[in-house]
């Protein structure tokens, strides 16, 4: 059993054993005893498509245990910057830019408008590095409210969380930035992963869809 030299702490000798026990207990405590948030810097990325270049920079995530403290939830605050350079024939895009000004294809998730959509794929006990279109996962789209979204996620399922989208009405450069968007995942008792996606759909005489995926990262 260790003892404390009261010669170095003369005030403690007068306060007695109770005070020394309090000091000793405080000495055992350190900020590391609490489970801290994990900051995850993520690499930049880019992709080229038909008349489109998507660049993702400054992406990061801060992951922490859920406030529910039930072992099946976790929270991530994500930030990033997405830039799109768009060049189209005659500088025009949109559903009425088809042949002879007839409507172009409306087979798009942007519902008839060319645009950029940015968000995250979140999976429970699913490796998102192997995720591809038509993989057979159950896909849901929980709504985002004021920069935050909370949703249940069962093992083996994947959800697509939309952060924001912007319309693109002509050729040019477009930016979409987000800071500390809050994703609260509940119900996943196993490991969870998330991965950024940036989708550009161009509608007109020709239809194109270009998707940039970020690096998967763990939610714990």
Protein backbone atom coordinates (compact mmCIF):
# COMPACT_ATOMS: atom_id res chain seq x y z
CA UNK A 1 0.00 0.00 0.00
CA UNK A 2 1.46 3.37 -1.01
CA UNK A 3 1.70 6.29 1.39
CA UNK A 4 1.87 10.05 0.85
CA UNK A 5 4.79 12.07 2.23
CA UNK A 6 3.05 14.88 4.14
CA UNK A 7 6.36 16.75 4.45
CA UNK A 8 5.88 17.78 0.79
CA UNK A 9 2.28 18.76 1.52
CA UNK A 10 2.30 20.36 5.02
CA UNK A 11 -1.27 21.55 4.64
CA UNK A 12 -2.49 17.94 4.34
CA UNK A 13 -1.08 16.99 7.71
CA UNK A 14 -3.40 19.51 9.31
CA UNK A 15 -6.42 18.48 7.20
CA UNK A 16 -6.17 14.82 8.14
CA UNK A 17 -6.63 11.43 6.47
CA UNK A 18 -9.96 12.32 4.81
CA UNK A 19 -8.46 15.14 2.80
CA UNK A 20 -5.55 12.95 1.70
CA UNK A 21 -8.00 10.32 0.44
CA UNK A 22 -9.75 12.96 -1.68
CA UNK A 23 -6.46 14.13 -3.17
CA UNK A 24 -5.41 10.55 -3.88
CA UNK A 25 -8.71 9.88 -5.65
CA UNK A 26 -8.30 12.98 -7.78
CA UNK A 27 -4.84 11.82 -8.71
CA UNK A 28 -6.28 8.62 -10.17
CA UNK A 29 -8.60 10.59 -12.46
CA UNK A 30 -7.44 11.82 -15.84
CA UNK A 31 -9.23 13.15 -18.93
CA UNK A 32 -8.24 9.96 -20.75
CA UNK A 33 -10.57 7.97 -18.53
CA UNK A 34 -13.52 9.40 -20.44
CA UNK A 35 -14.09 8.10 -23.93
CA UNK A 36 -13.07 10.94 -26.22
CA UNK A 37 -14.29 11.79 -29.69
CA UNK A 38 -12.26 10.41 -32.60
CA UNK A 39 -11.28 12.84 -35.36
CA UNK A 40 -10.86 11.20 -38.77
CA UNK A 41 -9.28 13.21 -41.62
CA UNK A 42 -10.22 11.77 -45.01
CA UNK A 43 -8.35 11.99 -48.32
CA UNK A 44 -9.31 14.20 -51.25
CA UNK A 45 -10.78 12.58 -54.34
CA UNK A 46 -11.88 13.35 -57.89
CA UNK A 47 -13.55 11.75 -60.89
CA UNK A 48 -14.20 12.75 -64.49
CA UNK A 49 -17.40 12.01 -66.39
CA UNK A 50 -19.00 13.21 -69.64
CA UNK A 51 -18.49 16.96 -69.43
CA UNK A 52 -18.22 16.73 -65.64
CA UNK A 53 -15.41 16.82 -63.08
CA UNK A 54 -16.21 16.24 -59.38
CA UNK A 55 -13.63 17.10 -56.71
CA UNK A 56 -13.98 16.40 -52.98
CA UNK A 57 -11.65 18.19 -50.55
CA UNK A 58 -11.35 18.82 -46.83
CA UNK A 59 -13.55 15.91 -45.81
CA UNK A 60 -13.42 14.85 -42.15
CA UNK A 61 -15.51 13.11 -39.52
CA UNK A 62 -15.70 13.36 -35.75
CA UNK A 63 -17.11 10.17 -34.24
CA UNK A 64 -18.36 9.69 -30.69
CA UNK A 65 -20.49 7.19 -28.76
CA UNK A 66 -24.20 7.96 -28.78
CA UNK A 67 -25.55 9.89 -25.81
CA UNK A 68 -27.91 6.96 -25.32
CA UNK A 69 -24.87 4.93 -24.14
CA UNK A 70 -26.52 1.65 -25.09
CA UNK A 71 -23.72 0.18 -27.23
CA UNK A 72 -25.93 0.18 -30.33
CA UNK A 73 -25.68 3.85 -31.26
CA UNK A 74 -23.03 6.29 -32.36
CA UNK A 75 -22.85 9.83 -33.66
CA UNK A 76 -20.72 11.34 -36.42
CA UNK A 77 -20.27 14.99 -37.35
CA UNK A 78 -19.10 15.20 -40.96
CA UNK A 79 -17.67 18.11 -42.94
CA UNK A 80 -16.49 18.54 -46.50
CA UNK A 81 -16.31 20.54 -49.72
CA UNK A 82 -17.47 19.34 -53.14
CA UNK A 83 -16.77 21.23 -56.36
CA UNK A 84 -18.22 20.43 -59.79
CA UNK A 85 -16.99 21.76 -63.13
CA UNK A 86 -19.73 21.27 -65.71
CA UNK A 87 -19.33 21.81 -69.46
CA UNK A 88 -22.26 20.98 -71.77
CA UNK A 89 -23.01 21.64 -75.47
CA UNK A 90 -24.09 25.26 -75.94
CA UNK A 91 -23.75 25.72 -72.17
CA UNK A 92 -27.32 24.48 -71.61
CA UNK A 93 -28.62 21.70 -69.39
CA UNK A 94 -32.06 20.63 -68.25
CA UNK A 95 -35.06 18.55 -69.31
CA UNK A 96 -35.99 20.92 -72.17
CA UNK A 97 -32.57 20.80 -73.78
CA UNK A 98 -33.35 17.72 -75.86
CA UNK A 99 -33.44 17.36 -79.63
CA UNK A 100 -35.44 20.18 -81.23
CA UNK A 101 -36.12 21.55 -77.74
CA UNK A 102 -38.19 18.49 -76.82
CA UNK A 103 -38.03 17.23 -73.24
CA UNK A 104 -34.92 15.24 -72.42
CA UNK A 105 -34.87 12.19 -70.21
CA UNK A 106 -36.54 12.47 -66.83
CA UNK A 107 -35.14 9.17 -65.58
CA UNK A 108 -33.25 10.85 -62.76
CA UNK A 109 -33.19 11.10 -59.00
CA UNK A 110 -33.15 14.88 -59.34
CA UNK A 111 -36.67 14.76 -60.81
CA UNK A 112 -36.10 16.47 -64.09
CA UNK A 113 -33.41 18.92 -63.08
CA UNK A 114 -29.69 18.54 -63.62
CA UNK A 115 -27.92 18.79 -60.31
CA UNK A 116 -25.43 17.75 -57.65
CA UNK A 117 -26.42 15.65 -54.64
CA UNK A 118 -24.04 15.04 -51.72
CA UNK A 119 -24.53 12.73 -48.78
CA UNK A 120 -23.32 9.61 -47.01
CA UNK A 121 -23.89 5.89 -47.33
CA UNK A 122 -24.10 4.36 -43.85
CA UNK A 123 -24.00 0.59 -43.31
CA UNK A 124 -24.26 -1.72 -40.32
CA UNK A 125 -22.09 -4.84 -40.54
CA UNK A 126 -21.59 -4.16 -44.26
CA UNK A 127 -18.28 -3.41 -45.94
CA UNK A 128 -18.92 -0.22 -47.88
CA UNK A 129 -15.66 -0.59 -49.75
CA UNK A 130 -17.32 -3.37 -51.75
CA UNK A 131 -20.58 -1.48 -52.28
CA UNK A 132 -21.68 -1.14 -55.89
CA UNK A 133 -24.86 -0.31 -57.73
CA UNK A 134 -27.39 -3.14 -57.68
CA UNK A 135 -25.74 -4.87 -54.70
CA UNK A 136 -29.15 -5.84 -53.34
CA UNK A 137 -29.00 -3.85 -50.12
CA UNK A 138 -32.07 -2.30 -48.56
CA UNK A 139 -31.79 1.41 -49.28
CA UNK A 140 -33.76 4.02 -47.37
CA UNK A 141 -33.53 7.79 -47.37
CA UNK A 142 -34.14 9.35 -43.94
CA UNK A 143 -34.93 13.07 -44.13
CA UNK A 144 -32.39 15.55 -42.85
CA UNK A 145 -33.58 18.40 -40.63
CA UNK A 146 -31.51 21.52 -39.87
CA UNK A 147 -28.17 19.85 -40.46
CA UNK A 148 -28.92 16.70 -38.44
CA UNK A 149 -30.51 13.32 -38.99
CA UNK A 150 -31.22 10.38 -36.66
CA UNK A 151 -32.17 6.96 -37.99
CA UNK A 152 -32.28 3.26 -37.01
CA UNK A 153 -29.94 0.89 -38.83
CA UNK A 154 -30.27 -2.87 -38.47
CA UNK A 155 -27.41 -5.34 -39.13
CA UNK A 156 -26.84 -5.97 -42.84
CA UNK A 157 -28.66 -2.84 -43.98
CA UNK A 158 -27.48 0.32 -45.73
CA UNK A 159 -29.03 3.76 -45.79
CA UNK A 160 -28.33 6.78 -47.98
CA UNK A 161 -28.33 10.06 -46.05
CA UNK A 162 -28.71 13.14 -48.22
CA UNK A 163 -27.00 16.25 -46.88
CA UNK A 164 -27.90 18.71 -49.62
CA UNK A 165 -28.38 19.16 -53.35
CA UNK A 166 -28.15 22.03 -55.80
CA UNK A 167 -29.59 22.53 -59.29
CA UNK A 168 -27.27 23.14 -62.21
CA UNK A 169 -28.91 25.22 -64.93
CA UNK A 170 -25.89 25.99 -67.13
CA UNK A 171 -22.23 25.25 -67.65
CA UNK A 172 -19.99 26.51 -64.89
CA UNK A 173 -18.44 25.72 -61.52
CA UNK A 174 -20.62 24.76 -58.57
CA UNK A 175 -19.73 24.39 -54.90
CA UNK A 176 -21.45 22.53 -52.07
CA UNK A 177 -19.93 22.87 -48.59
CA UNK A 178 -21.11 21.41 -45.29
CA UNK A 179 -19.81 21.69 -41.75
CA UNK A 180 -20.52 19.42 -38.76
CA UNK A 181 -23.56 17.69 -40.25
CA UNK A 182 -24.83 15.41 -37.46
CA UNK A 183 -25.64 11.75 -38.24
CA UNK A 184 -27.03 9.82 -35.28
CA UNK A 185 -27.15 6.06 -35.91
CA UNK A 186 -29.25 3.86 -33.61
CA UNK A 187 -29.85 0.13 -33.41
CA UNK A 188 -26.56 -1.12 -34.91
CA UNK A 189 -24.99 -3.44 -32.35
CA UNK A 190 -22.21 -4.49 -34.75
CA UNK A 191 -19.59 -2.43 -36.54
CA UNK A 192 -20.74 0.47 -38.71
CA UNK A 193 -19.16 2.31 -41.62
CA UNK A 194 -19.93 5.48 -43.57
CA UNK A 195 -18.80 6.77 -46.94
CA UNK A 196 -19.34 10.06 -48.76
CA UNK A 197 -21.05 10.12 -52.15
CA UNK A 198 -21.31 12.97 -54.66
CA UNK A 199 -23.64 12.42 -57.61
CA UNK A 200 -23.96 14.67 -60.66
CA UNK A 201 -26.81 14.04 -63.10
CA UNK A 202 -26.96 15.91 -66.38
CA UNK A 203 -30.26 15.89 -68.23
CA UNK A 204 -30.77 16.99 -71.81
CA UNK A 205 -30.27 15.60 -75.28
CA UNK A 206 -28.02 13.05 -73.57
CA UNK A 207 -28.26 11.77 -70.02
CA UNK A 208 -25.23 11.13 -67.82
CA UNK A 209 -24.71 10.25 -64.19
CA UNK A 210 -21.30 10.51 -62.51
CA UNK A 211 -20.67 9.40 -58.93
CA UNK A 212 -17.65 10.04 -56.74
CA UNK A 213 -17.28 7.89 -53.60
CA UNK A 214 -15.13 8.89 -50.67
CA UNK A 215 -13.02 6.61 -48.50
CA UNK A 216 -15.04 4.45 -46.09
CA UNK A 217 -14.46 5.18 -42.39
CA UNK A 218 -15.53 3.42 -39.22
CA UNK A 219 -18.25 4.65 -36.88
CA UNK A 220 -17.13 2.16 -34.25
